[in-house]
Amino acid sequence: MSKKPKKEETPKVNPELEGFQMNINSFGEISSSFSIDKINEFLNKNVDDKKLRDRDDLDELKKKKQ
């Protein structure tokens, strides 16, 4: 029995992250197609941080950045 060839499918991603690729080279170094700042900005907008939920000044800090 022959093995079926694996189809290389791209995962469904948020439109803001379209084209994002992460690679790990033979030395264990991680390389990315996006800058770290762009990734952090996306995560700050879209991911809830459990540690910061109960902070009273969090809303004020978000307003200052915008």
PDB file of N, CA and C in Angstrom:
ATOM      1  N   MET A   1       0.837  -1.174   0.000  1.00  0.00           N
ATOM      2  CA  MET A   1       0.000   0.000   0.000  1.00  0.00           C
ATOM      3  C   MET A   1       0.886   1.243   0.000  1.00  0.00           C
ATOM      4  N   SER A   2       0.560   2.134  -0.864  1.00  0.00           N
ATOM      5  CA  SER A   2       1.333   3.376  -0.920  1.00  0.00           C
ATOM      6  C   SER A   2       0.689   4.429  -0.023  1.00  0.00           C
ATOM      7  N   LYS A   3       1.534   5.290   0.488  1.00  0.00           N
ATOM      8  CA  LYS A   3       1.037   6.357   1.351  1.00  0.00           C
ATOM      9  C   LYS A   3       0.503   7.492   0.503  1.00  0.00           C
ATOM     10  N   LYS A   4      -0.538   8.113   1.000  1.00  0.00           N
ATOM     11  CA  LYS A   4      -1.091   9.268   0.305  1.00  0.00           C
ATOM     12  C   LYS A   4      -0.166  10.457   0.524  1.00  0.00           C
ATOM     13  N   PRO A   5       0.070  11.235  -0.511  1.00  0.00           N
ATOM     14  CA  PRO A   5       0.915  12.424  -0.313  1.00  0.00           C
ATOM     15  C   PRO A   5       0.185  13.445   0.560  1.00  0.00           C
ATOM     16  N   LYS A   6       0.934  14.063   1.456  1.00  0.00           N
ATOM     17  CA  LYS A   6       0.333  15.060   2.340  1.00  0.00           C
ATOM     18  C   LYS A   6       0.080  16.341   1.570  1.00  0.00           C
ATOM     19  N   LYS A   7      -1.102  16.867   1.747  1.00  0.00           N
ATOM     20  CA  LYS A   7      -1.437  18.151   1.139  1.00  0.00           C
ATOM     21  C   LYS A   7      -1.022  19.248   2.106  1.00  0.00           C
ATOM     22  N   GLU A   8      -0.273  20.191   1.615  1.00  0.00           N
ATOM     23  CA  GLU A   8       0.163  21.285   2.469  1.00  0.00           C
ATOM     24  C   GLU A   8      -0.905  22.371   2.437  1.00  0.00           C
ATOM     25  N   GLU A   9      -1.707  22.408   3.483  1.00  0.00           N
ATOM     26  CA  GLU A   9      -2.791  23.374   3.574  1.00  0.00           C
ATOM     27  C   GLU A   9      -2.379  24.525   4.478  1.00  0.00           C
ATOM     28  N   THR A  10      -2.824  25.700   4.119  1.00  0.00           N
ATOM     29  CA  THR A  10      -2.567  26.847   4.980  1.00  0.00           C
ATOM     30  C   THR A  10      -3.724  26.973   5.963  1.00  0.00           C
ATOM     31  N   PRO A  11      -3.443  27.256   7.218  1.00  0.00           N
ATOM     32  CA  PRO A  11      -4.509  27.374   8.216  1.00  0.00           C
ATOM     33  C   PRO A  11      -5.335  28.636   8.014  1.00  0.00           C
ATOM     34  N   LYS A  12      -6.550  28.612   8.531  1.00  0.00           N
ATOM     35  CA  LYS A  12      -7.402  29.800   8.490  1.00  0.00           C
ATOM     36  C   LYS A  12      -6.884  30.778   9.535  1.00  0.00           C
ATOM     37  N   VAL A  13      -6.635  32.000   9.111  1.00  0.00           N
ATOM     38  CA  VAL A  13      -6.071  32.996  10.024  1.00  0.00           C
ATOM     39  C   VAL A  13      -6.854  34.293   9.940  1.00  0.00           C
ATOM     40  N   ASN A  14      -6.654  35.128  10.925  1.00  0.00           N
ATOM     41  CA  ASN A  14      -7.216  36.471  10.934  1.00  0.00           C
ATOM     42  C   ASN A  14      -6.655  37.236   9.736  1.00  0.00           C
ATOM     43  N   PRO A  15      -7.469  38.025   9.045  1.00  0.00           N
ATOM     44  CA  PRO A  15      -6.976  38.771   7.870  1.00  0.00           C
ATOM     45  C   PRO A  15      -5.781  39.677   8.166  1.00  0.00           C
ATOM     46  N   GLU A  16      -5.649  40.153   9.397  1.00  0.00           N
ATOM     47  CA  GLU A  16      -4.509  41.000   9.750  1.00  0.00           C
ATOM     48  C   GLU A  16      -3.197  40.220   9.739  1.00  0.00           C
ATOM     49  N   LEU A  17      -3.278  38.897   9.904  1.00  0.00           N
ATOM     50  CA  LEU A  17      -2.076  38.069   9.955  1.00  0.00           C
ATOM     51  C   LEU A  17      -1.857  37.287   8.665  1.00  0.00           C
ATOM     52  N   GLU A  18      -2.513  37.678   7.611  1.00  0.00           N
ATOM     53  CA  GLU A  18      -2.358  36.996   6.319  1.00  0.00           C
ATOM     54  C   GLU A  18      -0.901  37.080   5.867  1.00  0.00           C
ATOM     55  N   GLY A  19      -0.311  35.941   5.536  1.00  0.00           N
ATOM     56  CA  GLY A  19       1.076  35.903   5.089  1.00  0.00           C
ATOM     57  C   GLY A  19       2.078  35.714   6.209  1.00  0.00           C
ATOM     58  N   PHE A  20       1.609  35.511   7.427  1.00  0.00           N
ATOM     59  CA  PHE A  20       2.498  35.337   8.577  1.00  0.00           C
ATOM     60  C   PHE A  20       3.113  33.945   8.541  1.00  0.00           C
ATOM     61  N   GLN A  21       4.423  33.869   8.622  1.00  0.00           N
ATOM     62  CA  GLN A  21       5.138  32.592   8.627  1.00  0.00           C
ATOM     63  C   GLN A  21       6.152  32.586   9.761  1.00  0.00           C
ATOM     64  N   MET A  22       6.257  31.451  10.459  1.00  0.00           N
ATOM     65  CA  MET A  22       7.285  31.275  11.491  1.00  0.00           C
ATOM     66  C   MET A  22       8.103  30.058  11.104  1.00  0.00           C
ATOM     67  N   ASN A  23       9.421  30.189  11.207  1.00  0.00           N
ATOM     68  CA  ASN A  23      10.321  29.082  10.898  1.00  0.00           C
ATOM     69  C   ASN A  23      11.344  28.944  12.012  1.00  0.00           C
ATOM     70  N   ILE A  24      11.782  27.703  12.234  1.00  0.00           N
ATOM     71  CA  ILE A  24      12.851  27.436  13.189  1.00  0.00           C
ATOM     72  C   ILE A  24      13.983  26.793  12.412  1.00  0.00           C
ATOM     73  N   ASN A  25      15.157  27.422  12.441  1.00  0.00           N
ATOM     74  CA  ASN A  25      16.278  26.889  11.678  1.00  0.00           C
ATOM     75  C   ASN A  25      16.985  25.783  12.459  1.00  0.00           C
ATOM     76  N   SER A  26      18.055  25.248  11.890  1.00  0.00           N
ATOM     77  CA  SER A  26      18.749  24.117  12.500  1.00  0.00           C
ATOM     78  C   SER A  26      19.431  24.478  13.821  1.00  0.00           C
ATOM     79  N   PHE A  27      19.647  25.761  14.073  1.00  0.00           N
ATOM     80  CA  PHE A  27      20.255  26.195  15.331  1.00  0.00           C
ATOM     81  C   PHE A  27      19.212  26.495  16.403  1.00  0.00           C
ATOM     82  N   GLY A  28      17.937  26.349  16.083  1.00  0.00           N
ATOM     83  CA  GLY A  28      16.867  26.615  17.031  1.00  0.00           C
ATOM     84  C   GLY A  28      16.446  28.065  17.078  1.00  0.00           C
ATOM     85  N   GLU A  29      16.909  28.861  16.123  1.00  0.00           N
ATOM     86  CA  GLU A  29      16.531  30.270  16.077  1.00  0.00           C
ATOM     87  C   GLU A  29      15.191  30.409  15.372  1.00  0.00           C
ATOM     88  N   ILE A  30      14.335  31.242  15.930  1.00  0.00           N
ATOM     89  CA  ILE A  30      13.009  31.462  15.362  1.00  0.00           C
ATOM     90  C   ILE A  30      13.061  32.681  14.453  1.00  0.00           C
ATOM     91  N   SER A  31      12.583  32.506  13.230  1.00  0.00           N
ATOM     92  CA  SER A  31      12.491  33.642  12.314  1.00  0.00           C
ATOM     93  C   SER A  31      11.034  33.806  11.905  1.00  0.00           C
ATOM     94  N   SER A  32      10.640  35.044  11.684  1.00  0.00           N
ATOM     95  CA  SER A  32       9.249  35.356  11.405  1.00  0.00           C
ATOM     96  C   SER A  32       9.159  36.318  10.231  1.00  0.00           C
ATOM     97  N   SER A  33       8.036  36.266   9.525  1.00  0.00           N
ATOM     98  CA  SER A  33       7.834  37.178   8.405  1.00  0.00           C
ATOM     99  C   SER A  33       7.302  38.536   8.871  1.00  0.00           C
ATOM    100  N   PHE A  34       6.852  38.643  10.127  1.00  0.00           N
ATOM    101  CA  PHE A  34       6.365  39.899  10.689  1.00  0.00           C
ATOM    102  C   PHE A  34       7.309  40.349  11.798  1.00  0.00           C
ATOM    103  N   SER A  35       7.336  41.635  12.040  1.00  0.00           N
ATOM    104  CA  SER A  35       8.160  42.151  13.134  1.00  0.00           C
ATOM    105  C   SER A  35       7.497  41.827  14.472  1.00  0.00           C
ATOM    106  N   ILE A  36       8.298  41.757  15.501  1.00  0.00           N
ATOM    107  CA  ILE A  36       7.793  41.469  16.843  1.00  0.00           C
ATOM    108  C   ILE A  36       6.800  42.540  17.288  1.00  0.00           C
ATOM    109  N   ASP A  37       7.067  43.792  16.929  1.00  0.00           N
ATOM    110  CA  ASP A  37       6.169  44.885  17.321  1.00  0.00           C
ATOM    111  C   ASP A  37       4.785  44.717  16.712  1.00  0.00           C
ATOM    112  N   LYS A  38       4.718  44.287  15.456  1.00  0.00           N
ATOM    113  CA  LYS A  38       3.429  44.091  14.794  1.00  0.00           C
ATOM    114  C   LYS A  38       2.670  42.927  15.433  1.00  0.00           C
ATOM    115  N   ILE A  39       3.374  41.867  15.784  1.00  0.00           N
ATOM    116  CA  ILE A  39       2.742  40.721  16.438  1.00  0.00           C
ATOM    117  C   ILE A  39       2.215  41.128  17.812  1.00  0.00           C
ATOM    118  N   ASN A  40       3.013  41.865  18.588  1.00  0.00           N
ATOM    119  CA  ASN A  40       2.579  42.317  19.915  1.00  0.00           C
ATOM    120  C   ASN A  40       1.379  43.251  19.826  1.00  0.00           C
ATOM    121  N   GLU A  41       1.366  44.129  18.842  1.00  0.00           N
ATOM    122  CA  GLU A  41       0.240  45.042  18.656  1.00  0.00           C
ATOM    123  C   GLU A  41      -1.037  44.254  18.377  1.00  0.00           C
ATOM    124  N   PHE A  42      -0.950  43.238  17.518  1.00  0.00           N
ATOM    125  CA  PHE A  42      -2.103  42.395  17.208  1.00  0.00           C
ATOM    126  C   PHE A  42      -2.592  41.671  18.460  1.00  0.00           C
ATOM    127  N   LEU A  43      -1.671  41.096  19.233  1.00  0.00           N
ATOM    128  CA  LEU A  43      -2.052  40.366  20.439  1.00  0.00           C
ATOM    129  C   LEU A  43      -2.674  41.288  21.479  1.00  0.00           C
ATOM    130  N   ASN A  44      -2.152  42.491  21.621  1.00  0.00           N
ATOM    131  CA  ASN A  44      -2.714  43.441  22.588  1.00  0.00           C
ATOM    132  C   ASN A  44      -4.147  43.814  22.231  1.00  0.00           C
ATOM    133  N   LYS A  45      -4.452  43.913  20.940  1.00  0.00           N
ATOM    134  CA  LYS A  45      -5.807  44.283  20.513  1.00  0.00           C
ATOM    135  C   LYS A  45      -6.778  43.122  20.633  1.00  0.00           C
ATOM    136  N   ASN A  46      -6.328  41.889  20.383  1.00  0.00           N
ATOM    137  CA  ASN A  46      -7.246  40.775  20.203  1.00  0.00           C
ATOM    138  C   ASN A  46      -7.249  39.715  21.297  1.00  0.00           C
ATOM    139  N   VAL A  47      -6.308  39.758  22.226  1.00  0.00           N
ATOM    140  CA  VAL A  47      -6.231  38.722  23.251  1.00  0.00           C
ATOM    141  C   VAL A  47      -6.394  39.352  24.628  1.00  0.00           C
ATOM    142  N   ASP A  48      -7.274  38.760  25.420  1.00  0.00           N
ATOM    143  CA  ASP A  48      -7.523  39.236  26.780  1.00  0.00           C
ATOM    144  C   ASP A  48      -6.437  38.689  27.701  1.00  0.00           C
ATOM    145  N   ASP A  49      -5.793  39.559  28.449  1.00  0.00           N
ATOM    146  CA  ASP A  49      -4.743  39.161  29.379  1.00  0.00           C
ATOM    147  C   ASP A  49      -5.363  38.932  30.753  1.00  0.00           C
ATOM    148  N   LYS A  50      -5.356  37.686  31.217  1.00  0.00           N
ATOM    149  CA  LYS A  50      -5.992  37.339  32.487  1.00  0.00           C
ATOM    150  C   LYS A  50      -5.382  38.083  33.670  1.00  0.00           C
ATOM    151  N   LYS A  51      -4.084  38.313  33.612  1.00  0.00           N
ATOM    152  CA  LYS A  51      -3.408  38.966  34.737  1.00  0.00           C
ATOM    153  C   LYS A  51      -3.820  40.428  34.882  1.00  0.00           C
ATOM    154  N   LEU A  52      -4.232  41.049  33.787  1.00  0.00           N
ATOM    155  CA  LEU A  52      -4.553  42.469  33.824  1.00  0.00           C
ATOM    156  C   LEU A  52      -6.049  42.762  33.899  1.00  0.00           C
ATOM    157  N   ARG A  53      -6.887  41.754  33.974  1.00  0.00           N
ATOM    158  CA  ARG A  53      -8.341  41.958  33.977  1.00  0.00           C
ATOM    159  C   ARG A  53      -8.824  42.856  35.104  1.00  0.00           C
ATOM    160  N   ASP A  54      -8.304  42.662  36.297  1.00  0.00           N
ATOM    161  CA  ASP A  54      -8.822  43.351  37.480  1.00  0.00           C
ATOM    162  C   ASP A  54      -8.143  44.680  37.764  1.00  0.00           C
ATOM    163  N   ARG A  55      -7.264  45.122  36.898  1.00  0.00           N
ATOM    164  CA  ARG A  55      -6.600  46.412  37.126  1.00  0.00           C
ATOM    165  C   ARG A  55      -7.564  47.550  36.839  1.00  0.00           C
ATOM    166  N   ASP A  56      -7.588  48.532  37.721  1.00  0.00           N
ATOM    167  CA  ASP A  56      -8.491  49.666  37.557  1.00  0.00           C
ATOM    168  C   ASP A  56      -7.989  50.655  36.517  1.00  0.00           C
ATOM    169  N   ASP A  57      -6.684  50.787  36.386  1.00  0.00           N
ATOM    170  CA  ASP A  57      -6.123  51.789  35.482  1.00  0.00           C
ATOM    171  C   ASP A  57      -5.896  51.272  34.063  1.00  0.00           C
ATOM    172  N   LEU A  58      -6.294  50.057  33.760  1.00  0.00           N
ATOM    173  CA  LEU A  58      -6.055  49.480  32.441  1.00  0.00           C
ATOM    174  C   LEU A  58      -6.789  50.244  31.342  1.00  0.00           C
ATOM    175  N   ASP A  59      -8.034  50.620  31.588  1.00  0.00           N
ATOM    176  CA  ASP A  59      -8.802  51.364  30.589  1.00  0.00           C
ATOM    177  C   ASP A  59      -8.161  52.716  30.301  1.00  0.00           C
ATOM    178  N   GLU A  60      -7.646  53.349  31.333  1.00  0.00           N
ATOM    179  CA  GLU A  60      -6.988  54.644  31.155  1.00  0.00           C
ATOM    180  C   GLU A  60      -5.730  54.504  30.301  1.00  0.00           C
ATOM    181  N   LEU A  61      -4.977  53.443  30.514  1.00  0.00           N
ATOM    182  CA  LEU A  61      -3.757  53.219  29.738  1.00  0.00           C
ATOM    183  C   LEU A  61      -4.072  52.962  28.267  1.00  0.00           C
ATOM    184  N   LYS A  62      -5.147  52.221  28.008  1.00  0.00           N
ATOM    185  CA  LYS A  62      -5.537  51.946  26.620  1.00  0.00           C
ATOM    186  C   LYS A  62      -5.960  53.225  25.907  1.00  0.00           C
ATOM    187  N   LYS A  63      -6.664  54.105  26.618  1.00  0.00           N
ATOM    188  CA  LYS A  63      -7.124  55.356  26.013  1.00  0.00           C
ATOM    189  C   LYS A  63      -5.952  56.265  25.674  1.00  0.00           C
ATOM    190  N   LYS A  64      -4.918  56.281  26.508  1.00  0.00           N
ATOM    191  CA  LYS A  64      -3.747  57.117  26.263  1.00  0.00           C
ATOM    192  C   LYS A  64      -2.999  56.672  25.013  1.00  0.00           C
ATOM    193  N   LYS A  65      -2.940  55.365  24.775  1.00  0.00           N
ATOM    194  CA  LYS A  65      -2.219  54.841  23.608  1.00  0.00           C
ATOM    195  C   LYS A  65      -2.940  55.164  22.311  1.00  0.00           C
ATOM    196  N   GLN A  66      -4.250  55.259  22.355  1.00  0.00           N
ATOM    197  CA  GLN A  66      -5.020  55.510  21.129  1.00  0.00           C
ATOM    198  C   GLN A  66      -5.036  56.973  20.884  1.00  0.00           C
TER     199      GLN A  66
END
